[in-house]
Amino acid sequence: KQKTAYEIVSRDWSSDVCSSDLEPGVRCGFKRSGRMVTAKMPVRVTFDGTLMATVPVAYVVPKAALPDSALLRLRLHGIVVEAAAAPGAIAGVEAFAVDSVVRRGQPFQGHTEVRLDGRWGSGAAFTADEELYVIRTAQPLGVLAVQLLDPQADDGLVTWNFFDAALGGTAGKAVFPVRRLTQPIAFATRIVP
């Protein structure tokens, strides 16, 4: 399992900051009193995972469901993306059923962040054809692939609006287009250049 969502955590230890550490400058209009005061300040430097994701053998996405911008983003991150080169059966497919689509009220860095609530379950079996992308997790950046493709990850492609068109804002009946494979891939693939 891999952590895909995080929260900032306060720790019991703190840092001592002394007013003498602010040398050499003093704000305009202020004069040093000569009295040193030690103040305790909370230090927030760690994150604890709040959600664990099962790492699959691979993710599969129909080409029509993966926006070009998401494919480009995966490749820019150095993730190897493959296309099905020959038809074959796909076993051990899991699909994410979307219960709700939560959009953050105010934009952040030019995007309205999105969070999906739902659950993974056995998906309908389908066959690989030329119209399918495969992203294996047994690659040097497999952990990053999980972070980007998991629908509930804090900083994944869903959060940054890459799948908004595929989701369409309809919850309860939507199935996230990225599927997980829990069994080895039994069909030929070729690396997408």
Protein backbone atom coordinates (compact mmCIF):
# COMPACT_ATOMS: atom_id res chain seq x y z
CA LYS A 1 0.00 0.00 0.00
CA GLN A 2 1.09 3.54 -0.71
CA LYS A 3 0.02 6.77 0.96
CA THR A 4 -1.83 9.06 -1.45
CA ALA A 5 -3.38 11.71 0.79
CA TYR A 6 -1.65 13.72 3.50
CA GLU A 7 -2.27 16.24 6.26
CA ILE A 8 0.10 18.60 8.06
CA VAL A 9 0.84 17.34 11.57
CA SER A 10 2.04 19.32 14.58
CA ARG A 11 4.78 17.66 16.56
CA ASP A 12 5.53 17.93 20.29
CA TRP A 13 8.90 19.52 19.70
CA SER A 14 9.37 23.20 18.95
CA SER A 15 12.13 25.55 17.98
CA ASP A 16 13.55 28.30 20.14
CA VAL A 17 13.69 31.64 18.36
CA CYS A 18 15.50 34.40 20.20
CA SER A 19 15.08 38.05 19.27
CA SER A 20 18.87 38.30 19.06
CA ASP A 21 18.73 35.91 16.08
CA LEU A 22 17.11 38.68 14.07
CA GLU A 23 20.38 40.64 13.88
CA PRO A 24 21.57 42.66 12.12
CA GLY A 25 18.38 44.40 10.98
CA VAL A 26 15.68 46.09 12.98
CA ARG A 27 12.45 47.34 11.44
CA CYS A 28 12.39 51.07 10.72
CA GLY A 29 11.20 53.14 13.65
CA PHE A 30 12.06 50.46 16.22
CA LYS A 31 14.92 50.36 18.68
CA ARG A 32 16.30 47.35 20.55
CA SER A 33 15.51 47.27 24.25
CA GLY A 34 18.49 45.10 25.13
CA ARG A 35 16.20 42.56 26.81
CA MET A 36 16.27 39.05 25.30
CA VAL A 37 13.04 37.05 25.19
CA THR A 38 12.86 33.38 24.20
CA ALA A 39 9.63 32.35 22.51
CA LYS A 40 8.38 28.82 21.76
CA MET A 41 7.10 28.43 18.22
CA PRO A 42 5.35 25.36 16.78
CA VAL A 43 7.21 23.67 13.94
CA ARG A 44 5.15 22.05 11.19
CA VAL A 45 7.53 20.17 8.95
CA THR A 46 6.05 16.70 8.51
CA PHE A 47 3.03 15.15 6.85
CA ASP A 48 1.19 12.00 7.88
CA GLY A 49 -0.69 9.86 5.38
CA THR A 50 -4.46 9.85 5.70
CA LEU A 51 -5.33 7.44 2.87
CA MET A 52 -3.64 4.27 1.65
CA ALA A 53 -3.94 3.04 -1.93
CA THR A 54 -3.32 -0.50 -3.11
CA VAL A 55 -0.56 -0.48 -5.71
CA PRO A 56 -1.80 -2.41 -8.75
CA VAL A 57 0.21 -4.28 -11.36
CA ALA A 58 -0.76 -1.57 -13.84
CA TYR A 59 -3.35 1.03 -14.71
CA VAL A 60 -5.27 0.78 -17.99
CA VAL A 61 -7.09 3.63 -19.67
CA PRO A 62 -9.04 3.67 -22.93
CA LYS A 63 -7.32 6.14 -25.28
CA ALA A 64 -10.57 8.05 -25.74
CA ALA A 65 -10.86 8.58 -21.97
CA LEU A 66 -7.30 9.84 -21.37
CA PRO A 67 -7.01 13.49 -22.36
CA ASP A 68 -3.93 14.38 -24.42
CA SER A 69 -2.92 16.80 -21.65
CA ALA A 70 -2.92 13.97 -19.08
CA LEU A 71 -0.90 11.70 -21.38
CA LEU A 72 1.58 14.53 -21.94
CA ARG A 73 1.81 15.21 -18.19
CA LEU A 74 2.57 11.54 -17.45
CA ARG A 75 5.29 11.48 -20.10
CA LEU A 76 6.75 14.82 -18.94
CA HIS A 77 7.12 13.29 -15.47
CA GLY A 78 9.13 10.44 -17.02
CA ILE A 79 6.45 7.77 -16.64
CA VAL A 80 6.53 5.07 -19.31
CA VAL A 81 3.18 4.79 -21.07
CA GLU A 82 2.45 1.80 -23.31
CA ALA A 83 -0.26 1.04 -25.85
CA ALA A 84 -1.81 -2.38 -26.42
CA ALA A 85 -0.05 -3.83 -29.49
CA ALA A 86 -2.17 -6.96 -29.93
CA PRO A 87 -5.64 -7.98 -28.76
CA GLY A 88 -5.82 -9.99 -25.57
CA ALA A 89 -8.01 -10.66 -22.57
CA ILE A 90 -7.57 -8.55 -19.47
CA ALA A 91 -8.15 -10.24 -16.12
CA GLY A 92 -8.21 -8.80 -12.60
CA VAL A 93 -9.74 -5.46 -13.56
CA GLU A 94 -10.90 -3.09 -10.81
CA ALA A 95 -13.00 0.01 -11.48
CA PHE A 96 -13.52 3.04 -9.25
CA ALA A 97 -17.22 3.86 -8.77
CA VAL A 98 -17.59 7.59 -8.10
CA ASP A 99 -20.00 8.37 -5.26
CA SER A 100 -19.40 12.12 -5.25
CA VAL A 101 -17.33 14.79 -6.96
CA VAL A 102 -16.22 17.48 -4.51
CA ARG A 103 -14.99 20.75 -5.97
CA ARG A 104 -13.14 23.24 -3.79
CA GLY A 105 -14.95 26.58 -3.58
CA GLN A 106 -12.13 28.92 -4.49
CA PRO A 107 -9.51 28.50 -7.21
CA PHE A 108 -5.96 27.53 -6.24
CA GLN A 109 -3.12 28.22 -8.68
CA GLY A 110 -5.64 28.79 -11.48
CA HIS A 111 -7.53 25.52 -10.88
CA THR A 112 -10.59 24.46 -8.96
CA GLU A 113 -9.32 21.44 -7.07
CA VAL A 114 -11.39 18.25 -7.39
CA ARG A 115 -11.68 15.32 -5.00
CA LEU A 116 -13.49 12.07 -5.76
CA ASP A 117 -15.20 9.97 -3.14
CA GLY A 118 -16.03 6.39 -4.00
CA ARG A 119 -14.69 2.86 -3.87
CA TRP A 120 -12.75 0.35 -5.95
CA GLY A 121 -14.57 -2.82 -6.95
CA SER A 122 -14.40 -5.60 -9.50
CA GLY A 123 -14.88 -4.15 -12.93
CA ALA A 124 -16.29 -5.70 -16.03
CA ALA A 125 -13.75 -7.72 -17.99
CA PHE A 126 -12.74 -6.29 -21.32
CA THR A 127 -10.22 -7.04 -24.04
CA ALA A 128 -7.16 -5.06 -24.96
CA ASP A 129 -7.10 -3.50 -28.37
CA GLU A 130 -5.23 -0.73 -30.13
CA GLU A 131 -7.26 1.86 -28.23
CA LEU A 132 -5.85 1.19 -24.76
CA TYR A 133 -3.03 2.76 -22.72
CA VAL A 134 -1.16 0.77 -20.08
CA ILE A 135 0.86 2.34 -17.25
CA ARG A 136 2.80 -0.27 -15.27
CA THR A 137 3.73 0.36 -11.65
CA ALA A 138 6.85 -1.84 -11.83
CA GLN A 139 8.89 0.94 -13.39
CA PRO A 140 11.37 3.36 -11.81
CA LEU A 141 8.64 6.01 -11.38
CA GLY A 142 5.83 3.57 -10.54
CA VAL A 143 5.14 5.23 -7.18
CA LEU A 144 4.68 8.56 -8.97
CA ALA A 145 2.33 6.87 -11.44
CA VAL A 146 0.17 5.70 -8.52
CA GLN A 147 0.16 9.22 -7.05
CA LEU A 148 -0.88 10.78 -10.37
CA LEU A 149 -3.46 8.19 -11.48
CA ASP A 150 -5.19 7.23 -8.23
CA PRO A 151 -8.55 9.05 -8.20
CA GLN A 152 -8.33 9.93 -4.48
CA ALA A 153 -4.72 11.16 -4.39
CA ASP A 154 -4.19 14.66 -2.98
CA ASP A 155 -1.99 15.85 -5.83
CA GLY A 156 -3.00 13.63 -8.74
CA LEU A 157 -4.34 14.35 -12.20
CA VAL A 158 -7.93 14.34 -10.89
CA THR A 159 -7.12 17.10 -8.38
CA TRP A 160 -5.66 19.29 -11.13
CA ASN A 161 -8.69 18.96 -13.45
CA PHE A 162 -7.20 16.66 -16.12
CA PHE A 163 -10.23 14.33 -15.96
CA ASP A 164 -13.00 16.94 -15.61
CA ALA A 165 -14.40 16.23 -19.08
CA ALA A 166 -14.51 12.48 -18.39
CA LEU A 167 -16.20 13.00 -15.02
CA GLY A 168 -18.74 15.50 -16.29
CA GLY A 169 -19.70 16.45 -12.72
CA THR A 170 -22.16 13.55 -12.46
CA ALA A 171 -21.69 11.48 -9.34
CA GLY A 172 -23.36 8.27 -8.27
CA LYS A 173 -23.39 6.75 -11.74
CA ALA A 174 -19.95 7.64 -13.02
CA VAL A 175 -17.06 5.20 -13.24
CA PHE A 176 -13.58 6.71 -13.23
CA PRO A 177 -11.98 5.93 -16.62
CA VAL A 178 -8.66 4.71 -15.18
CA ARG A 179 -8.86 1.02 -14.20
CA ARG A 180 -6.50 -0.98 -11.99
CA LEU A 181 -5.09 -4.37 -12.97
CA THR A 182 -4.42 -6.79 -10.14
CA GLN A 183 -3.08 -9.63 -12.32
CA PRO A 184 -0.11 -9.71 -14.70
CA ILE A 185 -0.61 -8.32 -18.20
CA ALA A 186 -1.10 -11.12 -20.74
CA PHE A 187 -0.96 -9.13 -23.96
CA ALA A 188 1.72 -7.39 -26.00
CA THR A 189 2.33 -3.68 -25.59
CA ARG A 190 4.55 -1.08 -27.21
CA ILE A 191 5.98 2.03 -25.57
CA VAL A 192 4.33 5.28 -26.62
CA PRO A 193 7.08 7.60 -27.95
